[in-house]
Amino acid sequence: MGNTKEEILTVALHLFARDGYEAVSVSRIAGELGMTKGALYRHYQNKRDIFEHIVKRMEQGDSEQAEKNNVPEEEMEKNPEKYQETTLKDFLEYSKSMFTYWTEDDFASSFRKMLTLEQFRNEEMQGLYQQYLASGPVEYVKDLFRNMDIVDADYKAVRFYAIMYLYYSIYDGAQDKEKVIRQLETALNEMIKEF
């Protein structure tokens, strides 16, 4: 095994995304990895610890995507200057990059699928779903659009993110994923023209 801690996170996340968090035991995770529970416990205290490290990894991935695309990583209150520096072009490129990240990066895609599945079973998961995939991104886009002095920023932010959200769902079931990406880019570019 390469990085055992990382492999544990990935295997656990794949199982959570497929079967649900509650349905997956530490024994099952260990079995998928060909290790004993004791060996797994040398890396993580319990299933909850594994889950918390999965969330930390996603936070890190989100931050890296923002930094790579020159957009704010934190909430506006923590870094208002960065919000003022962000251009519409930067934001559009970031949105396309995030779509690719959330659909094609194995870890992020599995995390999105897990939250989509688990949001209906668990209040904490519902909160994480909102933070990562629903109200959190909408609020982020609203703050960016307000700082760009876009007229009707709140309304346009909801419309913008609605396009992203719809195409996440379309992408998952699509035979031609490249076509979906092209359609998303066209839809976002057309909307931006209204600004």
C-alpha atoms as a PDB file:
ATOM      1  CA  MET A   1       0.000   0.000   0.000  1.00  0.00           C
ATOM      2  CA  GLY A   2       1.125   3.527  -0.745  1.00  0.00           C
ATOM      3  CA  ASN A   3      -0.329   6.078   1.644  1.00  0.00           C
ATOM      4  CA  THR A   4      -2.445   3.906   3.954  1.00  0.00           C
ATOM      5  CA  LYS A   5      -4.212   6.808   5.670  1.00  0.00           C
ATOM      6  CA  GLU A   6      -5.246   8.232   2.305  1.00  0.00           C
ATOM      7  CA  GLU A   7      -6.362   4.827   0.999  1.00  0.00           C
ATOM      8  CA  ILE A   8      -8.538   4.340   4.074  1.00  0.00           C
ATOM      9  CA  LEU A   9     -10.232   7.693   3.451  1.00  0.00           C
ATOM     10  CA  THR A  10     -10.811   6.936  -0.223  1.00  0.00           C
ATOM     11  CA  VAL A  11     -12.183   3.437   0.319  1.00  0.00           C
ATOM     12  CA  ALA A  12     -14.411   4.607   3.182  1.00  0.00           C
ATOM     13  CA  LEU A  13     -15.732   7.501   1.109  1.00  0.00           C
ATOM     14  CA  HIS A  14     -16.494   5.207  -1.844  1.00  0.00           C
ATOM     15  CA  LEU A  15     -18.441   2.909   0.480  1.00  0.00           C
ATOM     16  CA  PHE A  16     -20.284   5.832   2.105  1.00  0.00           C
ATOM     17  CA  ALA A  17     -21.187   7.223  -1.333  1.00  0.00           C
ATOM     18  CA  ARG A  18     -22.491   3.888  -2.545  1.00  0.00           C
ATOM     19  CA  ASP A  19     -24.171   2.397   0.534  1.00  0.00           C
ATOM     20  CA  GLY A  20     -24.628   5.279   2.964  1.00  0.00           C
ATOM     21  CA  TYR A  21     -22.645   6.311   6.004  1.00  0.00           C
ATOM     22  CA  GLU A  22     -24.681   4.371   8.574  1.00  0.00           C
ATOM     23  CA  ALA A  23     -24.588   1.140   6.568  1.00  0.00           C
ATOM     24  CA  VAL A  24     -20.792   1.002   6.474  1.00  0.00           C
ATOM     25  CA  SER A  25     -18.868  -0.357   9.455  1.00  0.00           C
ATOM     26  CA  VAL A  26     -15.192  -0.075  10.304  1.00  0.00           C
ATOM     27  CA  SER A  27     -14.973  -3.845   9.765  1.00  0.00           C
ATOM     28  CA  ARG A  28     -16.265  -3.433   6.239  1.00  0.00           C
ATOM     29  CA  ILE A  29     -13.817  -0.626   5.480  1.00  0.00           C
ATOM     30  CA  ALA A  30     -10.944  -2.733   6.841  1.00  0.00           C
ATOM     31  CA  GLY A  31     -12.129  -5.771   4.864  1.00  0.00           C
ATOM     32  CA  GLU A  32     -12.224  -3.764   1.613  1.00  0.00           C
ATOM     33  CA  LEU A  33      -8.628  -2.767   2.275  1.00  0.00           C
ATOM     34  CA  GLY A  34      -7.512  -6.293   3.212  1.00  0.00           C
ATOM     35  CA  MET A  35      -6.526  -5.235   6.717  1.00  0.00           C
ATOM     36  CA  THR A  36      -7.763  -5.924  10.218  1.00  0.00           C
ATOM     37  CA  LYS A  37      -9.795  -3.464  12.254  1.00  0.00           C
ATOM     38  CA  GLY A  38      -6.810  -3.193  14.592  1.00  0.00           C
ATOM     39  CA  ALA A  39      -4.576  -2.139  11.718  1.00  0.00           C
ATOM     40  CA  LEU A  40      -7.139   0.458  10.642  1.00  0.00           C
ATOM     41  CA  TYR A  41      -7.385   1.761  14.211  1.00  0.00           C
ATOM     42  CA  ARG A  42      -3.654   2.544  14.128  1.00  0.00           C
ATOM     43  CA  HIS A  43      -4.544   5.243  11.582  1.00  0.00           C
ATOM     44  CA  TYR A  44      -8.010   6.421  12.692  1.00  0.00           C
ATOM     45  CA  GLN A  45      -9.779   6.139  16.040  1.00  0.00           C
ATOM     46  CA  ASN A  46     -13.171   5.127  14.626  1.00  0.00           C
ATOM     47  CA  LYS A  47     -15.574   5.636  11.730  1.00  0.00           C
ATOM     48  CA  ARG A  48     -16.362   9.161  12.912  1.00  0.00           C
ATOM     49  CA  ASP A  49     -12.667  10.042  12.851  1.00  0.00           C
ATOM     50  CA  ILE A  50     -12.456   8.762   9.264  1.00  0.00           C
ATOM     51  CA  PHE A  51     -15.465  10.884   8.315  1.00  0.00           C
ATOM     52  CA  GLU A  52     -14.016  14.019   9.942  1.00  0.00           C
ATOM     53  CA  HIS A  53     -10.786  13.543   7.988  1.00  0.00           C
ATOM     54  CA  ILE A  54     -12.796  13.176   4.788  1.00  0.00           C
ATOM     55  CA  VAL A  55     -14.454  16.541   5.501  1.00  0.00           C
ATOM     56  CA  LYS A  56     -11.067  18.134   6.287  1.00  0.00           C
ATOM     57  CA  ARG A  57      -9.706  16.831   3.002  1.00  0.00           C
ATOM     58  CA  MET A  58     -12.656  18.399   1.161  1.00  0.00           C
ATOM     59  CA  GLU A  59     -12.099  21.730   2.924  1.00  0.00           C
ATOM     60  CA  GLN A  60      -8.472  21.606   1.816  1.00  0.00           C
ATOM     61  CA  GLY A  61      -9.476  20.715  -1.751  1.00  0.00           C
ATOM     62  CA  ASP A  62     -11.960  23.587  -1.907  1.00  0.00           C
ATOM     63  CA  SER A  63      -9.331  26.015  -0.645  1.00  0.00           C
ATOM     64  CA  GLU A  64      -6.808  24.789  -3.189  1.00  0.00           C
ATOM     65  CA  GLN A  65      -9.331  25.261  -6.021  1.00  0.00           C
ATOM     66  CA  ALA A  66     -10.068  28.810  -4.902  1.00  0.00           C
ATOM     67  CA  GLU A  67      -6.393  29.687  -4.560  1.00  0.00           C
ATOM     68  CA  LYS A  68      -5.575  28.184  -7.963  1.00  0.00           C
ATOM     69  CA  ASN A  69      -8.312  30.281  -9.584  1.00  0.00           C
ATOM     70  CA  ASN A  70      -7.570  33.550  -7.782  1.00  0.00           C
ATOM     71  CA  VAL A  71     -10.886  33.784  -5.926  1.00  0.00           C
ATOM     72  CA  PRO A  72     -11.528  34.135  -2.178  1.00  0.00           C
ATOM     73  CA  GLU A  73     -11.197  31.018  -0.071  1.00  0.00           C
ATOM     74  CA  GLU A  74     -12.909  32.363   3.030  1.00  0.00           C
ATOM     75  CA  GLU A  75     -16.168  34.116   3.797  1.00  0.00           C
ATOM     76  CA  MET A  76     -16.365  37.780   2.857  1.00  0.00           C
ATOM     77  CA  GLU A  77     -16.157  38.938   6.472  1.00  0.00           C
ATOM     78  CA  LYS A  78     -12.756  37.277   6.842  1.00  0.00           C
ATOM     79  CA  ASN A  79     -11.203  38.565   3.629  1.00  0.00           C
ATOM     80  CA  PRO A  80     -13.157  41.466   2.066  1.00  0.00           C
ATOM     81  CA  GLU A  81     -10.168  42.657   0.006  1.00  0.00           C
ATOM     82  CA  LYS A  82     -10.010  39.399  -1.927  1.00  0.00           C
ATOM     83  CA  TYR A  83     -13.716  39.709  -2.805  1.00  0.00           C
ATOM     84  CA  GLN A  84     -13.098  43.197  -4.173  1.00  0.00           C
ATOM     85  CA  GLU A  85     -10.205  41.969  -6.326  1.00  0.00           C
ATOM     86  CA  THR A  86     -12.135  39.122  -7.976  1.00  0.00           C
ATOM     87  CA  THR A  87     -13.194  39.744 -11.545  1.00  0.00           C
ATOM     88  CA  LEU A  88     -16.143  38.213 -13.359  1.00  0.00           C
ATOM     89  CA  LYS A  89     -13.682  36.450 -15.666  1.00  0.00           C
ATOM     90  CA  ASP A  90     -11.840  34.931 -12.669  1.00  0.00           C
ATOM     91  CA  PHE A  91     -15.129  33.817 -11.202  1.00  0.00           C
ATOM     92  CA  LEU A  92     -16.343  32.233 -14.443  1.00  0.00           C
ATOM     93  CA  GLU A  93     -13.098  30.276 -14.837  1.00  0.00           C
ATOM     94  CA  TYR A  94     -13.308  29.227 -11.196  1.00  0.00           C
ATOM     95  CA  SER A  95     -16.891  28.006 -11.680  1.00  0.00           C
ATOM     96  CA  LYS A  96     -15.880  25.871 -14.638  1.00  0.00           C
ATOM     97  CA  SER A  97     -12.919  24.543 -12.685  1.00  0.00           C
ATOM     98  CA  MET A  98     -15.136  23.709  -9.713  1.00  0.00           C
ATOM     99  CA  PHE A  99     -17.577  21.872 -11.953  1.00  0.00           C
ATOM    100  CA  THR A 100     -14.740  19.706 -13.239  1.00  0.00           C
ATOM    101  CA  TYR A 101     -13.450  19.229  -9.693  1.00  0.00           C
ATOM    102  CA  TRP A 102     -16.839  18.170  -8.282  1.00  0.00           C
ATOM    103  CA  THR A 103     -17.608  15.832 -11.192  1.00  0.00           C
ATOM    104  CA  GLU A 104     -14.270  14.363 -12.284  1.00  0.00           C
ATOM    105  CA  ASP A 105     -12.070  14.355  -9.203  1.00  0.00           C
ATOM    106  CA  ASP A 106     -12.738  10.945  -7.650  1.00  0.00           C
ATOM    107  CA  PHE A 107     -12.654  12.161  -4.064  1.00  0.00           C
ATOM    108  CA  ALA A 108     -14.785  15.277  -4.587  1.00  0.00           C
ATOM    109  CA  SER A 109     -17.268  13.434  -6.796  1.00  0.00           C
ATOM    110  CA  SER A 110     -17.670  10.674  -4.218  1.00  0.00           C
ATOM    111  CA  PHE A 111     -18.105  13.259  -1.469  1.00  0.00           C
ATOM    112  CA  ARG A 112     -20.828  15.000  -3.494  1.00  0.00           C
ATOM    113  CA  LYS A 113     -22.590  11.688  -4.101  1.00  0.00           C
ATOM    114  CA  MET A 114     -22.365  10.746  -0.423  1.00  0.00           C
ATOM    115  CA  LEU A 115     -23.872  14.075   0.669  1.00  0.00           C
ATOM    116  CA  THR A 116     -26.607  13.818  -1.952  1.00  0.00           C
ATOM    117  CA  LEU A 117     -27.528  10.364  -0.665  1.00  0.00           C
ATOM    118  CA  GLU A 118     -27.163  11.104   3.037  1.00  0.00           C
ATOM    119  CA  GLN A 119     -28.877  14.513   3.162  1.00  0.00           C
ATOM    120  CA  PHE A 120     -32.222  12.760   3.593  1.00  0.00           C
ATOM    121  CA  ARG A 121     -31.066  10.509   6.427  1.00  0.00           C
ATOM    122  CA  ASN A 122     -29.047  12.668   8.730  1.00  0.00           C
ATOM    123  CA  GLU A 123     -29.284  16.271   9.909  1.00  0.00           C
ATOM    124  CA  GLU A 124     -25.514  16.752  10.004  1.00  0.00           C
ATOM    125  CA  MET A 125     -25.196  15.484   6.434  1.00  0.00           C
ATOM    126  CA  GLN A 126     -28.029  17.807   5.400  1.00  0.00           C
ATOM    127  CA  GLY A 127     -26.010  20.677   6.859  1.00  0.00           C
ATOM    128  CA  LEU A 128     -22.894  19.630   4.963  1.00  0.00           C
ATOM    129  CA  TYR A 129     -24.928  19.227   1.772  1.00  0.00           C
ATOM    130  CA  GLN A 130     -26.202  22.776   2.176  1.00  0.00           C
ATOM    131  CA  GLN A 131     -22.712  24.095   2.964  1.00  0.00           C
ATOM    132  CA  TYR A 132     -20.989  22.458  -0.003  1.00  0.00           C
ATOM    133  CA  LEU A 133     -23.675  22.036  -2.650  1.00  0.00           C
ATOM    134  CA  ALA A 134     -26.662  24.314  -2.058  1.00  0.00           C
ATOM    135  CA  SER A 135     -27.036  27.401   0.122  1.00  0.00           C
ATOM    136  CA  GLY A 136     -23.289  27.774   0.822  1.00  0.00           C
ATOM    137  CA  PRO A 137     -22.296  28.197  -2.837  1.00  0.00           C
ATOM    138  CA  VAL A 138     -25.291  30.481  -3.464  1.00  0.00           C
ATOM    139  CA  GLU A 139     -24.248  32.795  -0.627  1.00  0.00           C
ATOM    140  CA  TYR A 140     -20.662  32.783  -1.885  1.00  0.00           C
ATOM    141  CA  VAL A 141     -21.786  33.769  -5.390  1.00  0.00           C
ATOM    142  CA  LYS A 142     -24.079  36.468  -3.957  1.00  0.00           C
ATOM    143  CA  ASP A 143     -21.194  38.001  -2.024  1.00  0.00           C
ATOM    144  CA  LEU A 144     -18.955  37.958  -5.082  1.00  0.00           C
ATOM    145  CA  PHE A 145     -21.618  39.469  -7.348  1.00  0.00           C
ATOM    146  CA  ARG A 146     -22.442  42.191  -4.804  1.00  0.00           C
ATOM    147  CA  ASN A 147     -18.761  43.132  -4.641  1.00  0.00           C
ATOM    148  CA  MET A 148     -18.661  43.278  -8.428  1.00  0.00           C
ATOM    149  CA  ASP A 149     -21.569  45.744  -8.269  1.00  0.00           C
ATOM    150  CA  ILE A 150     -23.717  43.511 -10.453  1.00  0.00           C
ATOM    151  CA  VAL A 151     -27.294  44.777 -10.646  1.00  0.00           C
ATOM    152  CA  ASP A 152     -29.743  42.324  -9.020  1.00  0.00           C
ATOM    153  CA  ALA A 153     -26.767  40.418  -7.623  1.00  0.00           C
ATOM    154  CA  ASP A 154     -28.813  38.143  -5.360  1.00  0.00           C
ATOM    155  CA  TYR A 155     -31.213  37.095  -8.104  1.00  0.00           C
ATOM    156  CA  LYS A 156     -28.426  36.568 -10.638  1.00  0.00           C
ATOM    157  CA  ALA A 157     -26.388  34.581  -8.120  1.00  0.00           C
ATOM    158  CA  VAL A 158     -29.267  32.168  -7.574  1.00  0.00           C
ATOM    159  CA  ARG A 159     -29.759  31.830 -11.338  1.00  0.00           C
ATOM    160  CA  PHE A 160     -26.053  31.307 -11.899  1.00  0.00           C
ATOM    161  CA  TYR A 161     -25.731  28.604  -9.284  1.00  0.00           C
ATOM    162  CA  ALA A 162     -28.979  26.963 -10.401  1.00  0.00           C
ATOM    163  CA  ILE A 163     -27.285  26.313 -13.740  1.00  0.00           C
ATOM    164  CA  MET A 164     -24.298  24.734 -12.000  1.00  0.00           C
ATOM    165  CA  TYR A 165     -26.520  22.631  -9.762  1.00  0.00           C
ATOM    166  CA  LEU A 166     -28.639  21.377 -12.664  1.00  0.00           C
ATOM    167  CA  TYR A 167     -25.599  20.377 -14.676  1.00  0.00           C
ATOM    168  CA  TYR A 168     -24.134  18.405 -11.750  1.00  0.00           C
ATOM    169  CA  SER A 169     -27.235  16.229 -11.926  1.00  0.00           C
ATOM    170  CA  ILE A 170     -27.216  16.004 -15.715  1.00  0.00           C
ATOM    171  CA  TYR A 171     -23.524  15.089 -15.738  1.00  0.00           C
ATOM    172  CA  ASP A 172     -23.918  12.081 -13.445  1.00  0.00           C
ATOM    173  CA  GLY A 173     -26.296  10.284 -15.797  1.00  0.00           C
ATOM    174  CA  ALA A 174     -24.891  11.491 -19.119  1.00  0.00           C
ATOM    175  CA  GLN A 175     -23.409   9.183 -21.721  1.00  0.00           C
ATOM    176  CA  ASP A 176     -21.507  12.067 -23.346  1.00  0.00           C
ATOM    177  CA  LYS A 177     -19.958  13.938 -20.432  1.00  0.00           C
ATOM    178  CA  GLU A 178     -17.928  16.246 -22.699  1.00  0.00           C
ATOM    179  CA  LYS A 179     -21.178  17.413 -24.291  1.00  0.00           C
ATOM    180  CA  VAL A 180     -22.552  18.252 -20.849  1.00  0.00           C
ATOM    181  CA  ILE A 181     -19.461  20.318 -20.057  1.00  0.00           C
ATOM    182  CA  ARG A 182     -19.822  22.212 -23.342  1.00  0.00           C
ATOM    183  CA  GLN A 183     -23.510  22.838 -22.616  1.00  0.00           C
ATOM    184  CA  LEU A 184     -22.671  24.110 -19.139  1.00  0.00           C
ATOM    185  CA  GLU A 185     -20.038  26.482 -20.498  1.00  0.00           C
ATOM    186  CA  THR A 186     -22.485  27.800 -23.096  1.00  0.00           C
ATOM    187  CA  ALA A 187     -25.191  28.325 -20.473  1.00  0.00           C
ATOM    188  CA  LEU A 188     -22.812  30.149 -18.106  1.00  0.00           C
ATOM    189  CA  ASN A 189     -21.352  32.304 -20.867  1.00  0.00           C
ATOM    190  CA  GLU A 190     -24.841  33.264 -22.080  1.00  0.00           C
ATOM    191  CA  MET A 191     -25.902  34.214 -18.575  1.00  0.00           C
ATOM    192  CA  ILE A 192     -22.775  36.300 -17.997  1.00  0.00           C
ATOM    193  CA  LYS A 193     -23.609  38.316 -21.110  1.00  0.00           C
ATOM    194  CA  GLU A 194     -26.639  39.632 -19.218  1.00  0.00           C
ATOM    195  CA  PHE A 195     -24.381  41.238 -16.629  1.00  0.00           C
END
